[in-house]
Amino acid sequence: MNWNKSIRQIHRWLSIAFTATVAANFIAMALGEPPAWIVYAPLPPLFLLLFTGLYMFVLPHATRWRSGRRVVEQG
């Protein structure tokens, strides 16, 4: 399996996990004072989403830089 394809798939599943933990957080808050582990549960998927998202953001620029193609702006 391609490394970039794996990162994209991980990012998708992390977004599902993050959404589920945020929804659980809102439900728990509606029922009363939630325990700390529910309040902080969205943070691990969020940080992993940050890293995978930054990787996917930089990837096109890194491949262009490695291939030696430079974009020359004409003004």
PDB file of N, CA and C in Angstrom:
ATOM      1  N   MET A   1       0.843  -1.187   0.000  1.00  0.00           N
ATOM      2  CA  MET A   1       0.000   0.000   0.000  1.00  0.00           C
ATOM      3  C   MET A   1       0.883   1.242   0.000  1.00  0.00           C
ATOM      4  N   ASN A   2       0.462   2.227  -0.728  1.00  0.00           N
ATOM      5  CA  ASN A   2       1.195   3.475  -0.856  1.00  0.00           C
ATOM      6  C   ASN A   2       1.184   4.249   0.470  1.00  0.00           C
ATOM      7  N   TRP A   3       2.311   4.836   0.838  1.00  0.00           N
ATOM      8  CA  TRP A   3       2.441   5.576   2.094  1.00  0.00           C
ATOM      9  C   TRP A   3       1.474   6.764   2.135  1.00  0.00           C
ATOM     10  N   ASN A   4       1.382   7.526   1.061  1.00  0.00           N
ATOM     11  CA  ASN A   4       0.482   8.688   1.029  1.00  0.00           C
ATOM     12  C   ASN A   4      -0.978   8.258   1.145  1.00  0.00           C
ATOM     13  N   LYS A   5      -1.302   7.149   0.514  1.00  0.00           N
ATOM     14  CA  LYS A   5      -2.665   6.632   0.594  1.00  0.00           C
ATOM     15  C   LYS A   5      -3.000   6.209   2.022  1.00  0.00           C
ATOM     16  N   SER A   6      -2.023   5.630   2.714  1.00  0.00           N
ATOM     17  CA  SER A   6      -2.219   5.219   4.110  1.00  0.00           C
ATOM     18  C   SER A   6      -2.452   6.425   5.011  1.00  0.00           C
ATOM     19  N   ILE A   7      -1.674   7.485   4.799  1.00  0.00           N
ATOM     20  CA  ILE A   7      -1.840   8.704   5.611  1.00  0.00           C
ATOM     21  C   ILE A   7      -3.231   9.285   5.402  1.00  0.00           C
ATOM     22  N   ARG A   8      -3.694   9.320   4.169  1.00  0.00           N
ATOM     23  CA  ARG A   8      -5.035   9.844   3.889  1.00  0.00           C
ATOM     24  C   ARG A   8      -6.113   9.002   4.569  1.00  0.00           C
ATOM     25  N   GLN A   9      -5.956   7.685   4.528  1.00  0.00           N
ATOM     26  CA  GLN A   9      -6.937   6.800   5.159  1.00  0.00           C
ATOM     27  C   GLN A   9      -6.923   6.985   6.678  1.00  0.00           C
ATOM     28  N   ILE A  10      -5.740   7.094   7.259  1.00  0.00           N
ATOM     29  CA  ILE A  10      -5.625   7.339   8.707  1.00  0.00           C
ATOM     30  C   ILE A  10      -6.282   8.661   9.063  1.00  0.00           C
ATOM     31  N   HIS A  11      -6.061   9.681   8.233  1.00  0.00           N
ATOM     32  CA  HIS A  11      -6.653  10.999   8.480  1.00  0.00           C
ATOM     33  C   HIS A  11      -8.182  10.922   8.454  1.00  0.00           C
ATOM     34  N   ARG A  12      -8.722  10.153   7.523  1.00  0.00           N
ATOM     35  CA  ARG A  12     -10.183  10.002   7.452  1.00  0.00           C
ATOM     36  C   ARG A  12     -10.740   9.326   8.698  1.00  0.00           C
ATOM     37  N   TRP A  13     -10.090   8.232   9.133  1.00  0.00           N
ATOM     38  CA  TRP A  13     -10.569   7.530  10.313  1.00  0.00           C
ATOM     39  C   TRP A  13     -10.392   8.366  11.578  1.00  0.00           C
ATOM     40  N   LEU A  14      -9.333   9.142  11.637  1.00  0.00           N
ATOM     41  CA  LEU A  14      -9.144  10.034  12.785  1.00  0.00           C
ATOM     42  C   LEU A  14     -10.233  11.102  12.836  1.00  0.00           C
ATOM     43  N   SER A  15     -10.646  11.575  11.673  1.00  0.00           N
ATOM     44  CA  SER A  15     -11.715  12.582  11.662  1.00  0.00           C
ATOM     45  C   SER A  15     -13.024  11.992  12.168  1.00  0.00           C
ATOM     46  N   ILE A  16     -13.279  10.733  11.865  1.00  0.00           N
ATOM     47  CA  ILE A  16     -14.477  10.065  12.378  1.00  0.00           C
ATOM     48  C   ILE A  16     -14.383   9.921  13.894  1.00  0.00           C
ATOM     49  N   ALA A  17     -13.211   9.496  14.379  1.00  0.00           N
ATOM     50  CA  ALA A  17     -13.016   9.349  15.827  1.00  0.00           C
ATOM     51  C   ALA A  17     -13.139  10.687  16.536  1.00  0.00           C
ATOM     52  N   PHE A  18     -12.576  11.739  15.946  1.00  0.00           N
ATOM     53  CA  PHE A  18     -12.666  13.066  16.544  1.00  0.00           C
ATOM     54  C   PHE A  18     -14.114  13.542  16.615  1.00  0.00           C
ATOM     55  N   THR A  19     -14.859  13.354  15.531  1.00  0.00           N
ATOM     56  CA  THR A  19     -16.259  13.766  15.509  1.00  0.00           C
ATOM     57  C   THR A  19     -17.075  13.006  16.551  1.00  0.00           C
ATOM     58  N   ALA A  20     -16.810  11.723  16.687  1.00  0.00           N
ATOM     59  CA  ALA A  20     -17.534  10.919  17.676  1.00  0.00           C
ATOM     60  C   ALA A  20     -17.227  11.368  19.098  1.00  0.00           C
ATOM     61  N   THR A  21     -15.964  11.687  19.383  1.00  0.00           N
ATOM     62  CA  THR A  21     -15.628  12.131  20.740  1.00  0.00           C
ATOM     63  C   THR A  21     -16.201  13.511  21.047  1.00  0.00           C
ATOM     64  N   VAL A  22     -16.264  14.373  20.054  1.00  0.00           N
ATOM     65  CA  VAL A  22     -16.879  15.690  20.270  1.00  0.00           C
ATOM     66  C   VAL A  22     -18.372  15.537  20.506  1.00  0.00           C
ATOM     67  N   ALA A  23     -19.022  14.665  19.735  1.00  0.00           N
ATOM     68  CA  ALA A  23     -20.453  14.418  19.944  1.00  0.00           C
ATOM     69  C   ALA A  23     -20.704  13.835  21.326  1.00  0.00           C
ATOM     70  N   ALA A  24     -19.867  12.888  21.750  1.00  0.00           N
ATOM     71  CA  ALA A  24     -20.002  12.310  23.093  1.00  0.00           C
ATOM     72  C   ALA A  24     -19.782  13.366  24.162  1.00  0.00           C
ATOM     73  N   ASN A  25     -18.895  14.286  23.896  1.00  0.00           N
ATOM     74  CA  ASN A  25     -18.633  15.377  24.832  1.00  0.00           C
ATOM     75  C   ASN A  25     -19.875  16.249  25.004  1.00  0.00           C
ATOM     76  N   PHE A  26     -20.522  16.606  23.908  1.00  0.00           N
ATOM     77  CA  PHE A  26     -21.732  17.435  23.992  1.00  0.00           C
ATOM     78  C   PHE A  26     -22.869  16.690  24.689  1.00  0.00           C
ATOM     79  N   ILE A  27     -22.992  15.409  24.401  1.00  0.00           N
ATOM     80  CA  ILE A  27     -24.041  14.619  25.062  1.00  0.00           C
ATOM     81  C   ILE A  27     -23.780  14.546  26.557  1.00  0.00           C
ATOM     82  N   ALA A  28     -22.532  14.314  26.935  1.00  0.00           N
ATOM     83  CA  ALA A  28     -22.190  14.236  28.358  1.00  0.00           C
ATOM     84  C   ALA A  28     -22.416  15.566  29.056  1.00  0.00           C
ATOM     85  N   MET A  29     -22.131  16.664  28.384  1.00  0.00           N
ATOM     86  CA  MET A  29     -22.353  17.986  28.989  1.00  0.00           C
ATOM     87  C   MET A  29     -23.841  18.274  29.152  1.00  0.00           C
ATOM     88  N   ALA A  30     -24.654  17.759  28.238  1.00  0.00           N
ATOM     89  CA  ALA A  30     -26.093  17.973  28.347  1.00  0.00           C
ATOM     90  C   ALA A  30     -26.678  17.205  29.527  1.00  0.00           C
ATOM     91  N   LEU A  31     -26.038  16.104  29.896  1.00  0.00           N
ATOM     92  CA  LEU A  31     -26.532  15.276  30.995  1.00  0.00           C
ATOM     93  C   LEU A  31     -26.032  15.738  32.359  1.00  0.00           C
ATOM     94  N   GLY A  32     -25.115  16.656  32.378  1.00  0.00           N
ATOM     95  CA  GLY A  32     -24.575  17.139  33.650  1.00  0.00           C
ATOM     96  C   GLY A  32     -23.087  17.403  33.518  1.00  0.00           C
ATOM     97  N   GLU A  33     -22.421  17.429  34.649  1.00  0.00           N
ATOM     98  CA  GLU A  33     -20.982  17.673  34.662  1.00  0.00           C
ATOM     99  C   GLU A  33     -20.249  16.411  34.208  1.00  0.00           C
ATOM    100  N   PRO A  34     -19.558  16.461  33.047  1.00  0.00           N
ATOM    101  CA  PRO A  34     -18.886  15.255  32.549  1.00  0.00           C
ATOM    102  C   PRO A  34     -17.554  15.023  33.272  1.00  0.00           C
ATOM    103  N   PRO A  35     -17.116  13.786  33.330  1.00  0.00           N
ATOM    104  CA  PRO A  35     -15.793  13.512  33.903  1.00  0.00           C
ATOM    105  C   PRO A  35     -14.688  14.082  33.006  1.00  0.00           C
ATOM    106  N   ALA A  36     -13.531  14.281  33.584  1.00  0.00           N
ATOM    107  CA  ALA A  36     -12.426  14.911  32.859  1.00  0.00           C
ATOM    108  C   ALA A  36     -12.000  14.099  31.641  1.00  0.00           C
ATOM    109  N   TRP A  37     -12.059  12.770  31.713  1.00  0.00           N
ATOM    110  CA  TRP A  37     -11.584  11.976  30.584  1.00  0.00           C
ATOM    111  C   TRP A  37     -12.475  12.158  29.359  1.00  0.00           C
ATOM    112  N   ILE A  38     -13.763  12.466  29.570  1.00  0.00           N
ATOM    113  CA  ILE A  38     -14.645  12.722  28.422  1.00  0.00           C
ATOM    114  C   ILE A  38     -14.354  14.104  27.832  1.00  0.00           C
ATOM    115  N   VAL A  39     -14.070  15.057  28.716  1.00  0.00           N
ATOM    116  CA  VAL A  39     -13.774  16.411  28.248  1.00  0.00           C
ATOM    117  C   VAL A  39     -12.499  16.431  27.408  1.00  0.00           C
ATOM    118  N   TYR A  40     -11.483  15.690  27.823  1.00  0.00           N
ATOM    119  CA  TYR A  40     -10.200  15.699  27.125  1.00  0.00           C
ATOM    120  C   TYR A  40     -10.069  14.598  26.070  1.00  0.00           C
ATOM    121  N   ALA A  41     -11.070  13.782  25.885  1.00  0.00           N
ATOM    122  CA  ALA A  41     -11.015  12.689  24.907  1.00  0.00           C
ATOM    123  C   ALA A  41     -10.813  13.167  23.463  1.00  0.00           C
ATOM    124  N   PRO A  42     -11.342  14.321  23.042  1.00  0.00           N
ATOM    125  CA  PRO A  42     -11.116  14.743  21.652  1.00  0.00           C
ATOM    126  C   PRO A  42      -9.686  15.195  21.352  1.00  0.00           C
ATOM    127  N   LEU A  43      -8.877  15.435  22.363  1.00  0.00           N
ATOM    128  CA  LEU A  43      -7.553  15.996  22.106  1.00  0.00           C
ATOM    129  C   LEU A  43      -6.582  15.047  21.395  1.00  0.00           C
ATOM    130  N   PRO A  44      -6.465  13.766  21.789  1.00  0.00           N
ATOM    131  CA  PRO A  44      -5.531  12.902  21.038  1.00  0.00           C
ATOM    132  C   PRO A  44      -5.852  12.779  19.546  1.00  0.00           C
ATOM    133  N   PRO A  45      -7.124  12.534  19.151  1.00  0.00           N
ATOM    134  CA  PRO A  45      -7.381  12.507  17.703  1.00  0.00           C
ATOM    135  C   PRO A  45      -7.134  13.857  17.035  1.00  0.00           C
ATOM    136  N   LEU A  46      -7.375  14.938  17.767  1.00  0.00           N
ATOM    137  CA  LEU A  46      -7.155  16.264  17.193  1.00  0.00           C
ATOM    138  C   LEU A  46      -5.681  16.497  16.890  1.00  0.00           C
ATOM    139  N   PHE A  47      -4.802  16.130  17.810  1.00  0.00           N
ATOM    140  CA  PHE A  47      -3.373  16.301  17.570  1.00  0.00           C
ATOM    141  C   PHE A  47      -2.892  15.402  16.430  1.00  0.00           C
ATOM    142  N   LEU A  48      -3.395  14.180  16.361  1.00  0.00           N
ATOM    143  CA  LEU A  48      -3.018  13.306  15.254  1.00  0.00           C
ATOM    144  C   LEU A  48      -3.550  13.846  13.926  1.00  0.00           C
ATOM    145  N   LEU A  49      -4.746  14.437  13.946  1.00  0.00           N
ATOM    146  CA  LEU A  49      -5.278  15.081  12.745  1.00  0.00           C
ATOM    147  C   LEU A  49      -4.393  16.248  12.316  1.00  0.00           C
ATOM    148  N   LEU A  50      -3.868  16.971  13.296  1.00  0.00           N
ATOM    149  CA  LEU A  50      -2.974  18.082  12.987  1.00  0.00           C
ATOM    150  C   LEU A  50      -1.747  17.589  12.233  1.00  0.00           C
ATOM    151  N   PHE A  51      -1.110  16.526  12.721  1.00  0.00           N
ATOM    152  CA  PHE A  51       0.104  16.027  12.092  1.00  0.00           C
ATOM    153  C   PHE A  51      -0.161  15.432  10.712  1.00  0.00           C
ATOM    154  N   THR A  52      -1.224  14.647  10.575  1.00  0.00           N
ATOM    155  CA  THR A  52      -1.521  14.068   9.265  1.00  0.00           C
ATOM    156  C   THR A  52      -1.962  15.151   8.282  1.00  0.00           C
ATOM    157  N   GLY A  53      -2.701  16.135   8.769  1.00  0.00           N
ATOM    158  CA  GLY A  53      -3.124  17.233   7.901  1.00  0.00           C
ATOM    159  C   GLY A  53      -1.957  18.082   7.435  1.00  0.00           C
ATOM    160  N   LEU A  54      -1.025  18.363   8.340  1.00  0.00           N
ATOM    161  CA  LEU A  54       0.162  19.124   7.934  1.00  0.00           C
ATOM    162  C   LEU A  54       0.992  18.339   6.930  1.00  0.00           C
ATOM    163  N   TYR A  55       1.094  17.029   7.133  1.00  0.00           N
ATOM    164  CA  TYR A  55       1.830  16.194   6.179  1.00  0.00           C
ATOM    165  C   TYR A  55       1.196  16.289   4.791  1.00  0.00           C
ATOM    166  N   MET A  56      -0.128  16.162   4.738  1.00  0.00           N
ATOM    167  CA  MET A  56      -0.800  16.219   3.440  1.00  0.00           C
ATOM    168  C   MET A  56      -0.732  17.616   2.833  1.00  0.00           C
ATOM    169  N   PHE A  57      -0.665  18.651   3.667  1.00  0.00           N
ATOM    170  CA  PHE A  57      -0.559  20.020   3.164  1.00  0.00           C
ATOM    171  C   PHE A  57       0.814  20.270   2.538  1.00  0.00           C
ATOM    172  N   VAL A  58       1.861  19.753   3.169  1.00  0.00           N
ATOM    173  CA  VAL A  58       3.226  20.005   2.709  1.00  0.00           C
ATOM    174  C   VAL A  58       3.619  19.076   1.567  1.00  0.00           C
ATOM    175  N   LEU A  59       2.968  17.951   1.435  1.00  0.00           N
ATOM    176  CA  LEU A  59       3.355  16.930   0.460  1.00  0.00           C
ATOM    177  C   LEU A  59       3.481  17.460  -0.971  1.00  0.00           C
ATOM    178  N   PRO A  60       2.523  18.194  -1.520  1.00  0.00           N
ATOM    179  CA  PRO A  60       2.689  18.672  -2.902  1.00  0.00           C
ATOM    180  C   PRO A  60       3.879  19.614  -3.057  1.00  0.00           C
ATOM    181  N   HIS A  61       4.132  20.435  -2.046  1.00  0.00           N
ATOM    182  CA  HIS A  61       5.254  21.363  -2.119  1.00  0.00           C
ATOM    183  C   HIS A  61       6.576  20.613  -2.021  1.00  0.00           C
ATOM    184  N   ALA A  62       6.624  19.581  -1.189  1.00  0.00           N
ATOM    185  CA  ALA A  62       7.850  18.802  -1.025  1.00  0.00           C
ATOM    186  C   ALA A  62       8.167  18.009  -2.291  1.00  0.00           C
ATOM    187  N   THR A  63       7.156  17.435  -2.915  1.00  0.00           N
ATOM    188  CA  THR A  63       7.415  16.675  -4.135  1.00  0.00           C
ATOM    189  C   THR A  63       7.856  17.598  -5.267  1.00  0.00           C
ATOM    190  N   ARG A  64       7.285  18.784  -5.338  1.00  0.00           N
ATOM    191  CA  ARG A  64       7.698  19.748  -6.356  1.00  0.00           C
ATOM    192  C   ARG A  64       9.145  20.187  -6.108  1.00  0.00           C
ATOM    193  N   TRP A  65       9.495  20.373  -4.841  1.00  0.00           N
ATOM    194  CA  TRP A  65      10.841  20.804  -4.501  1.00  0.00           C
ATOM    195  C   TRP A  65      11.859  19.705  -4.807  1.00  0.00           C
ATOM    196  N   ARG A  66      11.480  18.451  -4.505  1.00  0.00           N
ATOM    197  CA  ARG A  66      12.393  17.333  -4.751  1.00  0.00           C
ATOM    198  C   ARG A  66      12.582  17.063  -6.238  1.00  0.00           C
ATOM    199  N   SER A  67      11.554  17.323  -7.036  1.00  0.00           N
ATOM    200  CA  SER A  67      11.677  17.055  -8.468  1.00  0.00           C
ATOM    201  C   SER A  67      12.511  18.115  -9.177  1.00  0.00           C
ATOM    202  N   GLY A  68      12.763  19.236  -8.498  1.00  0.00           N
ATOM    203  CA  GLY A  68      13.603  20.274  -9.077  1.00  0.00           C
ATOM    204  C   GLY A  68      12.837  21.284  -9.886  1.00  0.00           C
ATOM    205  N   ARG A  69      11.535  21.144  -9.958  1.00  0.00           N
ATOM    206  CA  ARG A  69      10.728  22.113 -10.711  1.00  0.00           C
ATOM    207  C   ARG A  69      10.529  23.350  -9.845  1.00  0.00           C
ATOM    208  N   ARG A  70      10.913  24.445 -10.336  1.00  0.00           N
ATOM    209  CA  ARG A  70      10.724  25.701  -9.639  1.00  0.00           C
ATOM    210  C   ARG A  70       9.684  26.520 -10.397  1.00  0.00           C
ATOM    211  N   VAL A  71       8.808  27.138  -9.668  1.00  0.00           N
ATOM    212  CA  VAL A  71       7.801  27.990 -10.280  1.00  0.00           C
ATOM    213  C   VAL A  71       8.351  29.408 -10.286  1.00  0.00           C
ATOM    214  N   VAL A  72       8.494  29.980 -11.468  1.00  0.00           N
ATOM    215  CA  VAL A  72       9.000  31.342 -11.605  1.00  0.00           C
ATOM    216  C   VAL A  72       7.821  32.259 -11.823  1.00  0.00           C
ATOM    217  N   GLU A  73       7.685  33.211 -10.932  1.00  0.00           N
ATOM    218  CA  GLU A  73       6.575  34.159 -11.054  1.00  0.00           C
ATOM    219  C   GLU A  73       6.937  35.205 -12.095  1.00  0.00           C
ATOM    220  N   GLN A  74       5.969  35.490 -12.948  1.00  0.00           N
ATOM    221  CA  GLN A  74       6.168  36.525 -13.958  1.00  0.00           C
ATOM    222  C   GLN A  74       5.387  37.748 -13.538  1.00  0.00           C
ATOM    223  N   GLY A  75       6.018  38.870 -13.511  1.00  0.00           N
ATOM    224  CA  GLY A  75       5.351  40.060 -13.015  1.00  0.00           C
ATOM    225  C   GLY A  75       5.294  41.175 -13.927  1.00  0.00           C
TER     226      GLY A  75
END
